[in-house]
Amino acid sequence: MRKFLLEAQLKEAAALAGCLESAINDFELDVQDHRVTSAAEIPAWIEKAKEQFPHRFAVQSDYDAALCQSAFIRGNKTDESRLYLAVGEKRFNELKAQWAGGVPESEKKRLNGSADHSTNPWRGTPDNLEPGSNRYSAAAFKAQVSVVRALGPEKSAALAAACGAKLGDVRAPRVA
């Protein structure tokens, strides 16, 4: 027999504890699997779940670092207005001040990671470009298509964004 009241209490406690919205329904399964059998066990189970299931409580940022980079570093006014609408005037002004001197150190790893991008087919290096231009070579396009087929469009877009490009770009971004 399902315990709907207990499920609702557990889901409410999980939400208050910072659980991701997409993981709230996982707590229903905790009741159904008899991991939680009474309301008195809820606080202890929430703490235990934070250790056993940290993905349910992943850290959430109130803004998108890639959107900030596009808005403040690249000067994209459309992305600037999207960011403004997403975070509000006060937070927007805080982010604008934070990003005024370039990409903050705290965001560099999140945006670029610590990976070696030398083999990234979206990188604007001479081996990926037509001689004397910033257009991708046929070999680079072939490598990009292979990556999209292997990883899918979402991960491929992230890989391209790591080099300042996006899927479908014909020209490579300038390398500093």
Protein backbone atom coordinates (compact mmCIF):
# COMPACT_ATOMS: atom_id res chain seq x y z
CA MET A 1 0.00 0.00 0.00
CA ARG A 2 1.43 3.38 -1.00
CA LYS A 3 1.98 6.00 1.65
CA PHE A 4 1.08 9.16 -0.25
CA LEU A 5 1.28 11.44 2.79
CA LEU A 6 4.76 10.21 3.69
CA GLU A 7 5.88 10.59 0.06
CA ALA A 8 4.62 14.17 -0.01
CA GLN A 9 6.31 14.99 3.31
CA LEU A 10 9.61 13.52 2.12
CA LYS A 11 9.44 15.38 -1.21
CA GLU A 12 8.71 18.65 0.61
CA ALA A 13 11.64 18.11 2.98
CA ALA A 14 13.91 17.25 0.04
CA ALA A 15 12.93 20.43 -1.78
CA LEU A 16 13.66 22.49 1.33
CA ALA A 17 17.05 20.75 1.63
CA GLY A 18 18.04 21.93 -1.86
CA CYS A 19 17.18 18.90 -3.96
CA LEU A 20 17.14 19.44 -7.71
CA GLU A 21 13.62 19.74 -9.09
CA SER A 22 14.32 16.95 -11.57
CA ALA A 23 15.22 14.56 -8.71
CA ILE A 24 12.27 15.22 -6.38
CA ASN A 25 10.30 12.24 -7.67
CA ASP A 26 13.20 9.93 -6.76
CA PHE A 27 12.19 10.41 -3.15
CA GLU A 28 8.84 8.71 -3.88
CA LEU A 29 10.84 5.61 -4.72
CA ASP A 30 12.66 5.85 -1.40
CA VAL A 31 9.32 5.47 0.39
CA GLN A 32 8.16 2.71 -1.94
CA ASP A 33 11.46 0.83 -1.41
CA HIS A 34 10.94 1.11 2.38
CA ARG A 35 14.04 3.21 2.93
CA VAL A 36 11.79 5.63 4.81
CA THR A 37 8.91 4.20 6.79
CA SER A 38 7.81 7.09 9.02
CA ALA A 39 7.86 10.89 9.15
CA ALA A 40 10.33 10.76 12.06
CA GLU A 41 12.95 9.20 9.76
CA ILE A 42 12.78 11.98 7.14
CA PRO A 43 15.51 14.34 8.48
CA ALA A 44 18.00 11.49 8.91
CA TRP A 45 17.16 10.11 5.47
CA ILE A 46 17.68 13.50 3.82
CA GLU A 47 21.20 13.68 5.32
CA LYS A 48 21.92 10.10 4.30
CA ALA A 49 20.60 10.78 0.79
CA LYS A 50 22.98 13.74 0.46
CA GLU A 51 25.85 11.29 0.97
CA GLN A 52 24.49 8.33 -1.00
CA PHE A 53 22.85 10.29 -3.83
CA PRO A 54 24.77 13.56 -4.22
CA HIS A 55 23.51 13.94 -7.79
CA ARG A 56 20.08 14.71 -6.34
CA PHE A 57 21.54 17.76 -4.59
CA ALA A 58 23.97 19.01 -7.23
CA VAL A 59 25.14 22.59 -6.84
CA GLN A 60 23.07 24.95 -8.93
CA SER A 61 24.27 28.25 -10.27
CA ASP A 62 21.90 31.16 -10.65
CA TYR A 63 23.41 32.06 -14.02
CA ASP A 64 24.91 30.51 -17.13
CA ALA A 65 28.66 31.17 -17.41
CA ALA A 66 28.63 30.69 -21.19
CA LEU A 67 25.86 33.28 -21.48
CA CYS A 68 27.89 35.71 -19.34
CA GLN A 69 30.92 35.12 -21.53
CA SER A 70 28.91 35.81 -24.66
CA ALA A 71 27.24 38.90 -23.16
CA PHE A 72 30.14 40.56 -21.37
CA ILE A 73 33.29 39.30 -23.10
CA ARG A 74 32.07 39.01 -26.68
CA GLY A 75 29.61 41.93 -26.38
CA ASN A 76 26.55 40.02 -27.64
CA LYS A 77 23.63 42.35 -26.79
CA THR A 78 20.99 39.66 -27.37
CA ASP A 79 22.63 37.39 -24.80
CA GLU A 80 23.04 40.37 -22.49
CA SER A 81 19.27 40.94 -22.54
CA ARG A 82 18.60 37.20 -22.07
CA LEU A 83 20.84 37.21 -19.02
CA TYR A 84 19.14 40.33 -17.67
CA LEU A 85 15.73 38.68 -17.99
CA ALA A 86 16.98 35.45 -16.42
CA VAL A 87 18.63 36.89 -13.29
CA GLY A 88 17.04 40.32 -12.74
CA GLU A 89 18.53 43.80 -12.58
CA LYS A 90 20.40 43.52 -9.27
CA ARG A 91 22.15 40.21 -10.05
CA PHE A 92 22.81 41.33 -13.64
CA ASN A 93 24.71 44.39 -12.39
CA GLU A 94 26.70 42.20 -9.96
CA LEU A 95 27.63 39.81 -12.77
CA LYS A 96 28.52 42.69 -15.09
CA ALA A 97 30.94 44.05 -12.48
CA GLN A 98 32.36 40.56 -11.85
CA TRP A 99 32.98 39.98 -15.57
CA ALA A 100 34.22 43.53 -16.32
CA GLY A 101 37.90 42.51 -16.21
CA GLY A 102 37.46 39.44 -18.39
CA VAL A 103 36.54 35.90 -17.47
CA PRO A 104 36.82 35.52 -13.68
CA GLU A 105 39.32 32.91 -12.48
CA SER A 106 36.50 31.00 -10.79
CA GLU A 107 34.79 30.52 -14.17
CA LYS A 108 37.77 29.66 -16.38
CA LYS A 109 37.84 25.99 -15.47
CA ARG A 110 34.07 25.67 -15.73
CA LEU A 111 34.09 27.23 -19.20
CA ASN A 112 37.23 25.64 -20.62
CA GLY A 113 37.97 22.79 -18.27
CA SER A 114 41.48 21.53 -17.80
CA ALA A 115 41.37 19.46 -20.98
CA ASP A 116 43.84 19.72 -23.82
CA HIS A 117 41.94 21.34 -26.70
CA SER A 118 44.72 20.84 -29.24
CA THR A 119 42.81 18.04 -30.97
CA ASN A 120 39.46 19.83 -30.89
CA PRO A 121 38.25 20.09 -34.52
CA TRP A 122 36.57 23.46 -33.78
CA ARG A 123 39.84 25.05 -32.65
CA GLY A 124 41.18 27.70 -35.03
CA THR A 125 44.63 26.20 -35.53
CA PRO A 126 46.43 25.97 -38.89
CA ASP A 127 45.82 22.22 -39.16
CA ASN A 128 42.02 22.84 -38.96
CA LEU A 129 41.95 25.78 -41.39
CA GLU A 130 42.25 26.37 -45.10
CA PRO A 131 45.65 27.94 -45.86
CA GLY A 132 45.55 31.74 -45.61
CA SER A 133 42.02 32.01 -44.20
CA ASN A 134 40.03 31.32 -41.07
CA ARG A 135 37.65 28.90 -42.83
CA TYR A 136 37.61 25.33 -41.61
CA SER A 137 39.25 22.80 -43.91
CA ALA A 138 37.46 19.78 -45.37
CA ALA A 139 39.35 17.57 -42.93
CA ALA A 140 38.18 19.70 -40.00
CA PHE A 141 34.55 19.49 -41.18
CA LYS A 142 34.92 15.72 -41.49
CA ALA A 143 36.30 15.52 -37.95
CA GLN A 144 33.49 17.77 -36.64
CA VAL A 145 30.83 15.54 -38.23
CA SER A 146 32.50 12.46 -36.73
CA VAL A 147 32.45 14.04 -33.29
CA VAL A 148 28.76 14.99 -33.60
CA ARG A 149 27.88 11.44 -34.68
CA ALA A 150 29.90 9.90 -31.86
CA LEU A 151 28.97 12.23 -28.99
CA GLY A 152 25.66 13.70 -30.07
CA PRO A 153 24.79 17.35 -30.68
CA GLU A 154 24.68 18.49 -27.04
CA LYS A 155 28.16 17.30 -26.09
CA SER A 156 29.54 18.35 -29.46
CA ALA A 157 28.15 21.86 -28.96
CA ALA A 158 29.88 22.01 -25.58
CA LEU A 159 33.14 20.90 -27.18
CA ALA A 160 32.80 23.57 -29.86
CA ALA A 161 31.92 26.21 -27.25
CA ALA A 162 35.11 25.35 -25.35
CA CYS A 163 36.97 26.84 -28.32
CA GLY A 164 34.57 29.75 -28.80
CA ALA A 165 32.76 28.20 -31.75
CA LYS A 166 29.33 26.68 -32.28
CA LEU A 167 27.95 23.86 -34.37
CA GLY A 168 27.52 24.92 -37.97
CA ASP A 169 30.21 27.60 -37.95
CA VAL A 170 32.08 27.82 -41.24
CA ARG A 171 34.80 30.07 -39.89
CA ALA A 172 36.87 29.41 -36.81
CA PRO A 173 37.01 31.91 -33.95
CA ARG A 174 40.22 33.90 -33.72
CA VAL A 175 42.87 32.25 -31.53
CA ALA A 176 44.61 34.63 -29.16
